[in-house]
PDB file of N, CA and C in Angstrom:
ATOM      1  N   MET A   1     141.497  95.941  50.641  1.00  0.00           N
ATOM      2  CA  MET A   1     140.203  95.357  50.918  1.00  0.00           C
ATOM      3  C   MET A   1     139.668  95.869  52.248  1.00  0.00           C
ATOM      4  N   VAL A   2     140.543  96.038  53.242  1.00  0.00           N
ATOM      5  CA  VAL A   2     140.113  96.517  54.552  1.00  0.00           C
ATOM      6  C   VAL A   2     139.572  97.931  54.442  1.00  0.00           C
ATOM      7  N   LYS A   3     140.232  98.762  53.644  1.00  0.00           N
ATOM      8  CA  LYS A   3     139.763 100.141  53.468  1.00  0.00           C
ATOM      9  C   LYS A   3     138.421 100.167  52.747  1.00  0.00           C
ATOM     10  N   GLU A   4     138.223  99.230  51.820  1.00  0.00           N
ATOM     11  CA  GLU A   4     136.945  99.155  51.114  1.00  0.00           C
ATOM     12  C   GLU A   4     135.822  98.811  52.083  1.00  0.00           C
ATOM     13  N   ILE A   5     136.076  97.918  53.032  1.00  0.00           N
ATOM     14  CA  ILE A   5     135.070  97.525  54.016  1.00  0.00           C
ATOM     15  C   ILE A   5     134.743  98.692  54.937  1.00  0.00           C
ATOM     16  N   GLU A   6     135.755  99.489  55.276  1.00  0.00           N
ATOM     17  CA  GLU A   6     135.522 100.643  56.151  1.00  0.00           C
ATOM     18  C   GLU A   6     134.599 101.668  55.497  1.00  0.00           C
ATOM     19  N   ASN A   7     134.603 101.741  54.184  1.00  0.00           N
ATOM     20  CA  ASN A   7     133.780 102.715  53.467  1.00  0.00           C
ATOM     21  C   ASN A   7     132.339 102.237  53.260  1.00  0.00           C
ATOM     22  N   LEU A   8     132.029 101.001  53.639  1.00  0.00           N
ATOM     23  CA  LEU A   8     130.680 100.463  53.442  1.00  0.00           C
ATOM     24  C   LEU A   8     129.725 100.996  54.504  1.00  0.00           C
ATOM     25  N   THR A   9     128.471 101.085  54.138  1.00  0.00           N
ATOM     26  CA  THR A   9     127.449 101.466  55.115  1.00  0.00           C
ATOM     27  C   THR A   9     127.167 100.278  56.017  1.00  0.00           C
ATOM     28  N   GLU A  10     126.441 100.525  57.104  1.00  0.00           N
ATOM     29  CA  GLU A  10     126.123  99.443  58.051  1.00  0.00           C
ATOM     30  C   GLU A  10     125.293  98.348  57.372  1.00  0.00           C
ATOM     31  N   ASP A  11     124.357  98.733  56.532  1.00  0.00           N
ATOM     32  CA  ASP A  11     123.544  97.742  55.813  1.00  0.00           C
ATOM     33  C   ASP A  11     124.396  96.901  54.870  1.00  0.00           C
ATOM     34  N   GLU A  12     125.342  97.535  54.203  1.00  0.00           N
ATOM     35  CA  GLU A  12     126.222  96.796  53.297  1.00  0.00           C
ATOM     36  C   GLU A  12     127.124  95.844  54.075  1.00  0.00           C
ATOM     37  N   ARG A  13     127.566  96.253  55.259  1.00  0.00           N
ATOM     38  CA  ARG A  13     128.387  95.362  56.101  1.00  0.00           C
ATOM     39  C   ARG A  13     127.582  94.150  56.553  1.00  0.00           C
ATOM     40  N   ARG A  14     126.328  94.386  56.962  1.00  0.00           N
ATOM     41  CA  ARG A  14     125.471  93.256  57.374  1.00  0.00           C
ATOM     42  C   ARG A  14     125.253  92.294  56.209  1.00  0.00           C
ATOM     43  N   ALA A  15     125.015  92.853  55.030  1.00  0.00           N
ATOM     44  CA  ALA A  15     124.810  92.014  53.849  1.00  0.00           C
ATOM     45  C   ALA A  15     126.062  91.204  53.535  1.00  0.00           C
ATOM     46  N   LEU A  16     127.227  91.810  53.688  1.00  0.00           N
ATOM     47  CA  LEU A  16     128.482  91.113  53.429  1.00  0.00           C
ATOM     48  C   LEU A  16     128.692  89.985  54.432  1.00  0.00           C
ATOM     49  N   ARG A  17     128.409  90.262  55.727  1.00  0.00           N
ATOM     50  CA  ARG A  17     128.536  89.215  56.750  1.00  0.00           C
ATOM     51  C   ARG A  17     127.547  88.086  56.481  1.00  0.00           C
ATOM     52  N   GLY A  18     126.319  88.461  56.119  1.00  0.00           N
ATOM     53  CA  GLY A  18     125.298  87.449  55.857  1.00  0.00           C
ATOM     54  C   GLY A  18     125.615  86.591  54.653  1.00  0.00           C
ATOM     55  N   SER A  19     126.284  87.164  53.662  1.00  0.00           N
ATOM     56  CA  SER A  19     126.593  86.398  52.455  1.00  0.00           C
ATOM     57  C   SER A  19     127.601  85.294  52.735  1.00  0.00           C
ATOM     58  N   LYS A  20     128.382  85.443  53.793  1.00  0.00           N
ATOM     59  CA  LYS A  20     129.343  84.394  54.144  1.00  0.00           C
ATOM     60  C   LYS A  20     128.634  83.135  54.617  1.00  0.00           C
ATOM     61  N   PHE A  21     127.412  83.298  55.131  1.00  0.00           N
ATOM     62  CA  PHE A  21     126.672  82.166  55.671  1.00  0.00           C
ATOM     63  C   PHE A  21     125.456  81.819  54.819  1.00  0.00           C
ATOM     64  N   ALA A  22     125.402  82.334  53.628  1.00  0.00           N
ATOM     65  CA  ALA A  22     124.266  82.063  52.746  1.00  0.00           C
ATOM     66  C   ALA A  22     124.274  80.591  52.345  1.00  0.00           C
ATOM     67  N   PRO A  23     123.103  80.003  52.177  1.00  0.00           N
ATOM     68  CA  PRO A  23     123.058  78.597  51.773  1.00  0.00           C
ATOM     69  C   PRO A  23     123.622  78.421  50.367  1.00  0.00           C
ATOM     70  N   LEU A  24     124.252  77.293  50.161  1.00  0.00           N
ATOM     71  CA  LEU A  24     124.815  76.994  48.853  1.00  0.00           C
ATOM     72  C   LEU A  24     123.686  76.712  47.869  1.00  0.00           C
ATOM     73  N   PRO A  25     123.852  77.068  46.624  1.00  0.00           N
ATOM     74  CA  PRO A  25     122.808  76.773  45.641  1.00  0.00           C
ATOM     75  C   PRO A  25     122.678  75.269  45.448  1.00  0.00           C
ATOM     76  N   ARG A  26     121.440  74.830  45.272  1.00  0.00           N
ATOM     77  CA  ARG A  26     121.198  73.395  45.085  1.00  0.00           C
ATOM     78  C   ARG A  26     121.498  72.995  43.648  1.00  0.00           C
ATOM     79  N   ARG A  27     122.032  71.796  43.524  1.00  0.00           N
ATOM     80  CA  ARG A  27     122.235  71.246  42.192  1.00  0.00           C
ATOM     81  C   ARG A  27     120.909  70.672  41.728  1.00  0.00           C
ATOM     82  N   SER A  28     120.575  70.883  40.503  1.00  0.00           N
ATOM     83  CA  SER A  28     119.325  70.324  40.003  1.00  0.00           C
ATOM     84  C   SER A  28     119.609  68.938  39.433  1.00  0.00           C
ATOM     85  N   ASN A  29     118.965  67.955  40.018  1.00  0.00           N
ATOM     86  CA  ASN A  29     119.108  66.585  39.537  1.00  0.00           C
ATOM     87  C   ASN A  29     117.875  66.251  38.711  1.00  0.00           C
ATOM     88  N   SER A  30     118.078  65.974  37.453  1.00  0.00           N
ATOM     89  CA  SER A  30     116.942  65.630  36.617  1.00  0.00           C
ATOM     90  C   SER A  30     116.481  64.200  36.883  1.00  0.00           C
ATOM     91  N   LYS A  31     117.403  63.324  37.255  1.00  0.00           N
ATOM     92  CA  LYS A  31     117.048  61.939  37.539  1.00  0.00           C
ATOM     93  C   LYS A  31     117.222  61.673  39.028  1.00  0.00           C
ATOM     94  N   PRO A  32     116.326  60.878  39.626  1.00  0.00           N
ATOM     95  CA  PRO A  32     116.519  60.527  41.031  1.00  0.00           C
ATOM     96  C   PRO A  32     117.737  59.617  41.185  1.00  0.00           C
ATOM     97  N   ARG A  33     118.388  59.742  42.320  1.00  0.00           N
ATOM     98  CA  ARG A  33     119.567  58.919  42.579  1.00  0.00           C
ATOM     99  C   ARG A  33     119.138  57.551  43.076  1.00  0.00           C
ATOM    100  N   LEU A  34     119.849  56.529  42.650  1.00  0.00           N
ATOM    101  CA  LEU A  34     119.607  55.168  43.107  1.00  0.00           C
ATOM    102  C   LEU A  34     120.741  54.762  44.031  1.00  0.00           C
ATOM    103  N   ALA A  35     120.391  53.978  45.041  1.00  0.00           N
ATOM    104  CA  ALA A  35     121.409  53.537  45.988  1.00  0.00           C
ATOM    105  C   ALA A  35     122.448  52.660  45.309  1.00  0.00           C
ATOM    106  N   HIS A  36     121.996  51.751  44.472  1.00  0.00           N
ATOM    107  CA  HIS A  36     122.895  50.838  43.771  1.00  0.00           C
ATOM    108  C   HIS A  36     122.512  50.836  42.294  1.00  0.00           C
ATOM    109  N   PRO A  37     123.019  51.777  41.508  1.00  0.00           N
ATOM    110  CA  PRO A  37     122.639  51.824  40.101  1.00  0.00           C
ATOM    111  C   PRO A  37     122.976  50.520  39.396  1.00  0.00           C
ATOM    112  N   CYS A  38     122.031  49.993  38.674  1.00  0.00           N
ATOM    113  CA  CYS A  38     122.158  48.752  37.894  1.00  0.00           C
ATOM    114  C   CYS A  38     122.375  47.528  38.771  1.00  0.00           C
ATOM    115  N   GLY A  39     122.261  47.656  40.063  1.00  0.00           N
ATOM    116  CA  GLY A  39     122.404  46.511  40.954  1.00  0.00           C
ATOM    117  C   GLY A  39     121.049  45.948  41.329  1.00  0.00           C
ATOM    118  N   PRO A  40     121.027  44.846  42.071  1.00  0.00           N
ATOM    119  CA  PRO A  40     119.750  44.246  42.454  1.00  0.00           C
ATOM    120  C   PRO A  40     119.016  45.103  43.479  1.00  0.00           C
ATOM    121  N   LEU A  41     117.717  45.176  43.334  1.00  0.00           N
ATOM    122  CA  LEU A  41     116.865  45.864  44.292  1.00  0.00           C
ATOM    123  C   LEU A  41     116.245  44.827  45.206  1.00  0.00           C
ATOM    124  N   ALA A  42     116.070  45.156  46.462  1.00  0.00           N
ATOM    125  CA  ALA A  42     115.429  44.243  47.408  1.00  0.00           C
ATOM    126  C   ALA A  42     114.239  44.952  48.031  1.00  0.00           C
ATOM    127  N   THR A  43     113.131  44.234  48.149  1.00  0.00           N
ATOM    128  CA  THR A  43     111.945  44.801  48.768  1.00  0.00           C
ATOM    129  C   THR A  43     111.319  43.771  49.695  1.00  0.00           C
ATOM    130  N   ASN A  44     110.719  44.254  50.762  1.00  0.00           N
ATOM    131  CA  ASN A  44     110.003  43.368  51.674  1.00  0.00           C
ATOM    132  C   ASN A  44     108.569  43.855  51.868  1.00  0.00           C
ATOM    133  N   LYS A  45     108.044  44.593  50.896  1.00  0.00           N
ATOM    134  CA  LYS A  45     106.703  45.163  51.033  1.00  0.00           C
ATOM    135  C   LYS A  45     105.653  44.083  51.233  1.00  0.00           C
ATOM    136  N   ALA A  46     105.690  43.026  50.432  1.00  0.00           N
ATOM    137  CA  ALA A  46     104.683  41.974  50.542  1.00  0.00           C
ATOM    138  C   ALA A  46     104.792  41.259  51.882  1.00  0.00           C
ATOM    139  N   ALA A  47     106.012  40.962  52.312  1.00  0.00           N
ATOM    140  CA  ALA A  47     106.200  40.275  53.592  1.00  0.00           C
ATOM    141  C   ALA A  47     105.782  41.165  54.751  1.00  0.00           C
ATOM    142  N   ALA A  48     106.097  42.442  54.681  1.00  0.00           N
ATOM    143  CA  ALA A  48     105.709  43.366  55.750  1.00  0.00           C
ATOM    144  C   ALA A  48     104.196  43.498  55.823  1.00  0.00           C
ATOM    145  N   LEU A  49     103.535  43.552  54.681  1.00  0.00           N
ATOM    146  CA  LEU A  49     102.075  43.629  54.664  1.00  0.00           C
ATOM    147  C   LEU A  49     101.461  42.359  55.237  1.00  0.00           C
ATOM    148  N   ALA A  50     102.020  41.198  54.891  1.00  0.00           N
ATOM    149  CA  ALA A  50     101.508  39.932  55.425  1.00  0.00           C
ATOM    150  C   ALA A  50     101.668  39.869  56.940  1.00  0.00           C
ATOM    151  N   LYS A  51     102.810  40.297  57.455  1.00  0.00           N
ATOM    152  CA  LYS A  51     103.019  40.289  58.908  1.00  0.00           C
ATOM    153  C   LYS A  51     102.081  41.264  59.606  1.00  0.00           C
ATOM    154  N   PHE A  52     101.844  42.426  58.993  1.00  0.00           N
ATOM    155  CA  PHE A  52     100.920  43.403  59.558  1.00  0.00           C
ATOM    156  C   PHE A  52      99.510  42.825  59.638  1.00  0.00           C
ATOM    157  N   LEU A  53      99.056  42.206  58.549  1.00  0.00           N
ATOM    158  CA  LEU A  53      97.705  41.635  58.543  1.00  0.00           C
ATOM    159  C   LEU A  53      97.591  40.470  59.519  1.00  0.00           C
ATOM    160  N   GLU A  54      98.626  39.661  59.622  1.00  0.00           N
ATOM    161  CA  GLU A  54      98.621  38.557  60.585  1.00  0.00           C
ATOM    162  C   GLU A  54      98.497  39.086  62.011  1.00  0.00           C
ATOM    163  N   ARG A  55      99.224  40.143  62.317  1.00  0.00           N
ATOM    164  CA  ARG A  55      99.151  40.749  63.642  1.00  0.00           C
ATOM    165  C   ARG A  55      97.762  41.331  63.901  1.00  0.00           C
ATOM    166  N   LYS A  56      97.163  41.955  62.897  1.00  0.00           N
ATOM    167  CA  LYS A  56      95.824  42.522  63.049  1.00  0.00           C
ATOM    168  C   LYS A  56      94.774  41.434  63.235  1.00  0.00           C
ATOM    169  N   LEU A  57      94.942  40.293  62.572  1.00  0.00           N
ATOM    170  CA  LEU A  57      93.981  39.195  62.707  1.00  0.00           C
ATOM    171  C   LEU A  57      94.029  38.566  64.091  1.00  0.00           C
ATOM    172  N   LYS A  58      95.168  38.596  64.746  1.00  0.00           N
ATOM    173  CA  LYS A  58      95.287  38.040  66.097  1.00  0.00           C
ATOM    174  C   LYS A  58      94.611  38.923  67.133  1.00  0.00           C
ATOM    175  N   ASP A  59      94.543  40.214  66.864  1.00  0.00           N
ATOM    176  CA  ASP A  59      93.909  41.166  67.778  1.00  0.00           C
ATOM    177  C   ASP A  59      92.395  41.089  67.589  1.00  0.00           C
ATOM    178  N   PRO A  60      91.599  40.954  68.692  1.00  0.00           N
ATOM    179  CA  PRO A  60      90.141  40.840  68.551  1.00  0.00           C
ATOM    180  C   PRO A  60      89.510  42.035  67.823  1.00  0.00           C
ATOM    181  N   ASN A  61      90.010  43.223  68.028  1.00  0.00           N
ATOM    182  CA  ASN A  61      89.461  44.406  67.359  1.00  0.00           C
ATOM    183  C   ASN A  61      90.365  44.887  66.223  1.00  0.00           C
ATOM    184  N   GLY A  62      91.264  44.040  65.789  1.00  0.00           N
ATOM    185  CA  GLY A  62      92.255  44.449  64.797  1.00  0.00           C
ATOM    186  C   GLY A  62      91.661  44.809  63.456  1.00  0.00           C
ATOM    187  N   LEU A  63      90.721  43.993  62.971  1.00  0.00           N
ATOM    188  CA  LEU A  63      90.147  44.269  61.659  1.00  0.00           C
ATOM    189  C   LEU A  63      89.292  45.529  61.665  1.00  0.00           C
ATOM    190  N   ALA A  64      88.674  45.825  62.797  1.00  0.00           N
ATOM    191  CA  ALA A  64      87.840  47.023  62.878  1.00  0.00           C
ATOM    192  C   ALA A  64      88.682  48.293  62.782  1.00  0.00           C
ATOM    193  N   SER A  65      89.950  48.206  63.163  1.00  0.00           N
ATOM    194  CA  SER A  65      90.801  49.399  63.150  1.00  0.00           C
ATOM    195  C   SER A  65      91.467  49.645  61.799  1.00  0.00           C
ATOM    196  N   ILE A  66      91.287  48.727  60.848  1.00  0.00           N
ATOM    197  CA  ILE A  66      91.926  48.877  59.539  1.00  0.00           C
ATOM    198  C   ILE A  66      91.001  49.657  58.609  1.00  0.00           C
ATOM    199  N   ASN A  67      91.531  50.689  58.005  1.00  0.00           N
ATOM    200  CA  ASN A  67      90.798  51.454  56.998  1.00  0.00           C
ATOM    201  C   ASN A  67      90.840  50.657  55.690  1.00  0.00           C
ATOM    202  N   PRO A  68      89.686  50.241  55.152  1.00  0.00           N
ATOM    203  CA  PRO A  68      89.685  49.412  53.938  1.00  0.00           C
ATOM    204  C   PRO A  68      90.362  50.087  52.741  1.00  0.00           C
ATOM    205  N   ASP A  69      90.222  51.397  52.631  1.00  0.00           N
ATOM    206  CA  ASP A  69      90.862  52.097  51.511  1.00  0.00           C
ATOM    207  C   ASP A  69      92.381  52.040  51.626  1.00  0.00           C
ATOM    208  N   LEU A  70      92.889  52.208  52.852  1.00  0.00           N
ATOM    209  CA  LEU A  70      94.341  52.126  53.052  1.00  0.00           C
ATOM    210  C   LEU A  70      94.850  50.706  52.844  1.00  0.00           C
ATOM    211  N   LEU A  71      94.058  49.723  53.249  1.00  0.00           N
ATOM    212  CA  LEU A  71      94.443  48.327  53.045  1.00  0.00           C
ATOM    213  C   LEU A  71      94.525  48.016  51.557  1.00  0.00           C
ATOM    214  N   GLU A  72      93.540  48.456  50.807  1.00  0.00           N
ATOM    215  CA  GLU A  72      93.553  48.224  49.362  1.00  0.00           C
ATOM    216  C   GLU A  72      94.753  48.914  48.715  1.00  0.00           C
ATOM    217  N   LEU A  73      95.041  50.114  49.155  1.00  0.00           N
ATOM    218  CA  LEU A  73      96.199  50.843  48.637  1.00  0.00           C
ATOM    219  C   LEU A  73      97.500  50.100  48.945  1.00  0.00           C
ATOM    220  N   ALA A  74      97.620  49.567  50.163  1.00  0.00           N
ATOM    221  CA  ALA A  74      98.833  48.830  50.543  1.00  0.00           C
ATOM    222  C   ALA A  74      98.989  47.556  49.722  1.00  0.00           C
ATOM    223  N   VAL A  75      97.888  46.856  49.501  1.00  0.00           N
ATOM    224  CA  VAL A  75      97.939  45.622  48.705  1.00  0.00           C
ATOM    225  C   VAL A  75      98.340  45.946  47.266  1.00  0.00           C
ATOM    226  N   ASN A  76      97.720  46.956  46.687  1.00  0.00           N
ATOM    227  CA  ASN A  76      98.072  47.339  45.314  1.00  0.00           C
ATOM    228  C   ASN A  76      99.516  47.815  45.223  1.00  0.00           C
ATOM    229  N   ASN A  77      99.980  48.524  46.236  1.00  0.00           N
ATOM    230  CA  ASN A  77     101.362  48.994  46.259  1.00  0.00           C
ATOM    231  C   ASN A  77     102.328  47.815  46.302  1.00  0.00           C
ATOM    232  N   ALA A  78     102.019  46.817  47.109  1.00  0.00           N
ATOM    233  CA  ALA A  78     102.881  45.634  47.190  1.00  0.00           C
ATOM    234  C   ALA A  78     102.881  44.874  45.867  1.00  0.00           C
ATOM    235  N   LYS A  79     101.723  44.799  45.208  1.00  0.00           N
ATOM    236  CA  LYS A  79     101.641  44.100  43.917  1.00  0.00           C
ATOM    237  C   LYS A  79     102.433  44.817  42.833  1.00  0.00           C
ATOM    238  N   GLU A  80     102.406  46.130  42.867  1.00  0.00           N
ATOM    239  CA  GLU A  80     103.013  46.920  41.799  1.00  0.00           C
ATOM    240  C   GLU A  80     104.461  47.322  42.071  1.00  0.00           C
ATOM    241  N   THR A  81     105.068  46.772  43.094  1.00  0.00           N
ATOM    242  CA  THR A  81     106.435  47.157  43.455  1.00  0.00           C
ATOM    243  C   THR A  81     107.411  46.972  42.299  1.00  0.00           C
ATOM    244  N   VAL A  82     107.305  45.869  41.608  1.00  0.00           N
ATOM    245  CA  VAL A  82     108.232  45.590  40.515  1.00  0.00           C
ATOM    246  C   VAL A  82     108.075  46.621  39.410  1.00  0.00           C
ATOM    247  N   TYR A  83     106.849  46.962  39.083  1.00  0.00           N
ATOM    248  CA  TYR A  83     106.621  47.916  37.999  1.00  0.00           C
ATOM    249  C   TYR A  83     106.978  49.336  38.413  1.00  0.00           C
ATOM    250  N   ALA A  84     106.660  49.699  39.643  1.00  0.00           N
ATOM    251  CA  ALA A  84     106.949  51.055  40.115  1.00  0.00           C
ATOM    252  C   ALA A  84     108.447  51.318  40.201  1.00  0.00           C
ATOM    253  N   SER A  85     109.232  50.281  40.451  1.00  0.00           N
ATOM    254  CA  SER A  85     110.677  50.473  40.566  1.00  0.00           C
ATOM    255  C   SER A  85     111.353  50.559  39.208  1.00  0.00           C
ATOM    256  N   GLY A  86     110.615  50.285  38.151  1.00  0.00           N
ATOM    257  CA  GLY A  86     111.203  50.336  36.821  1.00  0.00           C
ATOM    258  C   GLY A  86     111.952  49.076  36.462  1.00  0.00           C
ATOM    259  N   ALA A  87     111.897  48.073  37.297  1.00  0.00           N
ATOM    260  CA  ALA A  87     112.664  46.854  37.053  1.00  0.00           C
ATOM    261  C   ALA A  87     112.117  46.075  35.866  1.00  0.00           C
ATOM    262  N   SER A  88     110.836  46.212  35.579  1.00  0.00           N
ATOM    263  CA  SER A  88     110.264  45.439  34.490  1.00  0.00           C
ATOM    264  C   SER A  88     110.794  45.896  33.134  1.00  0.00           C
ATOM    265  N   ASN A  89     111.259  47.134  33.043  1.00  0.00           N
ATOM    266  CA  ASN A  89     111.726  47.670  31.771  1.00  0.00           C
ATOM    267  C   ASN A  89     113.242  47.720  31.656  1.00  0.00           C
ATOM    268  N   SER A  90     113.957  47.526  32.728  1.00  0.00           N
ATOM    269  CA  SER A  90     115.393  47.791  32.678  1.00  0.00           C
ATOM    270  C   SER A  90     116.265  46.574  32.957  1.00  0.00           C
ATOM    271  N   GLN A  91     115.706  45.387  32.946  1.00  0.00           N
ATOM    272  CA  GLN A  91     116.474  44.163  33.169  1.00  0.00           C
ATOM    273  C   GLN A  91     117.179  44.140  34.512  1.00  0.00           C
ATOM    274  N   ARG A  92     116.641  44.831  35.503  1.00  0.00           N
ATOM    275  CA  ARG A  92     117.198  44.794  36.854  1.00  0.00           C
ATOM    276  C   ARG A  92     116.574  43.640  37.616  1.00  0.00           C
ATOM    277  N   ASN A  93     117.317  43.086  38.550  1.00  0.00           N
ATOM    278  CA  ASN A  93     116.788  42.036  39.414  1.00  0.00           C
ATOM    279  C   ASN A  93     116.115  42.661  40.620  1.00  0.00           C
ATOM    280  N   VAL A  94     114.936  42.148  40.965  1.00  0.00           N
ATOM    281  CA  VAL A  94     114.236  42.594  42.162  1.00  0.00           C
ATOM    282  C   VAL A  94     114.064  41.383  43.054  1.00  0.00           C
ATOM    283  N   ARG A  95     114.620  41.464  44.248  1.00  0.00           N
ATOM    284  CA  ARG A  95     114.504  40.364  45.204  1.00  0.00           C
ATOM    285  C   ARG A  95     113.382  40.683  46.175  1.00  0.00           C
ATOM    286  N   HIS A  96     112.457  39.740  46.341  1.00  0.00           N
ATOM    287  CA  HIS A  96     111.400  39.880  47.335  1.00  0.00           C
ATOM    288  C   HIS A  96     111.804  39.025  48.531  1.00  0.00           C
ATOM    289  N   VAL A  97     112.052  39.662  49.654  1.00  0.00           N
ATOM    290  CA  VAL A  97     112.573  38.975  50.829  1.00  0.00           C
ATOM    291  C   VAL A  97     111.630  39.164  52.003  1.00  0.00           C
ATOM    292  N   ASP A  98     111.695  38.222  52.967  1.00  0.00           N
ATOM    293  CA  ASP A  98     110.909  38.355  54.192  1.00  0.00           C
ATOM    294  C   ASP A  98     111.494  39.426  55.094  1.00  0.00           C
ATOM    295  N   SER A  99     112.811  39.449  55.176  1.00  0.00           N
ATOM    296  CA  SER A  99     113.508  40.517  55.890  1.00  0.00           C
ATOM    297  C   SER A  99     114.861  40.678  55.213  1.00  0.00           C
ATOM    298  N   PHE A 100     115.526  41.764  55.475  1.00  0.00           N
ATOM    299  CA  PHE A 100     116.762  42.029  54.759  1.00  0.00           C
ATOM    300  C   PHE A 100     117.935  41.202  55.258  1.00  0.00           C
ATOM    301  N   GLY A 101     117.747  40.407  56.289  1.00  0.00           N
ATOM    302  CA  GLY A 101     118.785  39.510  56.752  1.00  0.00           C
ATOM    303  C   GLY A 101     118.648  38.117  56.156  1.00  0.00           C
ATOM    304  N   ASP A 102     117.559  37.873  55.416  1.00  0.00           N
ATOM    305  CA  ASP A 102     117.297  36.543  54.867  1.00  0.00           C
ATOM    306  C   ASP A 102     118.170  36.259  53.657  1.00  0.00           C
ATOM    307  N   SER A 103     118.601  35.002  53.559  1.00  0.00           N
ATOM    308  CA  SER A 103     119.323  34.598  52.360  1.00  0.00           C
ATOM    309  C   SER A 103     118.355  34.020  51.339  1.00  0.00           C
ATOM    310  N   ASP A 104     117.182  33.531  51.804  1.00  0.00           N
ATOM    311  CA  ASP A 104     116.169  33.019  50.888  1.00  0.00           C
ATOM    312  C   ASP A 104     115.438  34.190  50.268  1.00  0.00           C
ATOM    313  N   SER A 105     115.378  34.197  48.957  1.00  0.00           N
ATOM    314  CA  SER A 105     114.665  35.274  48.283  1.00  0.00           C
ATOM    315  C   SER A 105     114.190  34.786  46.932  1.00  0.00           C
ATOM    316  N   LYS A 106     113.193  35.462  46.426  1.00  0.00           N
ATOM    317  CA  LYS A 106     112.667  35.167  45.119  1.00  0.00           C
ATOM    318  C   LYS A 106     113.160  36.267  44.192  1.00  0.00           C
ATOM    319  N   VAL A 107     113.799  35.906  43.078  1.00  0.00           N
ATOM    320  CA  VAL A 107     114.352  36.901  42.169  1.00  0.00           C
ATOM    321  C   VAL A 107     113.466  36.990  40.942  1.00  0.00           C
ATOM    322  N   LEU A 108     113.067  38.224  40.595  1.00  0.00           N
ATOM    323  CA  LEU A 108     112.307  38.483  39.383  1.00  0.00           C
ATOM    324  C   LEU A 108     113.161  39.336  38.468  1.00  0.00           C
ATOM    325  N   THR A 109     113.171  39.016  37.179  1.00  0.00           N
ATOM    326  CA  THR A 109     113.920  39.843  36.220  1.00  0.00           C
ATOM    327  C   THR A 109     112.990  40.402  35.187  1.00  0.00           C
TER     328      THR A 109
END
């Protein structure tokens, strides 16, 4: 093998050295990975949106700084969380929590 390397041109040697550090080919995943397959999902989108709006209402110029289109998008996103996660079709539990440290939660199946 050493003699074979000695017979290579400089370009071939560079290519050989470079191939040792070439990135590994990516595996193609047809399905997205889930953190806990078939386990309960937890979301705080609605609670986070409520806290954000409460904070904006306390600020005198808070409402003026909110883009109505983005607000509508956030509200619709919070409403559709259960459907977007696929929980409505797969019998998965979705917990809506105020924060991830809370033990109180509402479970939807």
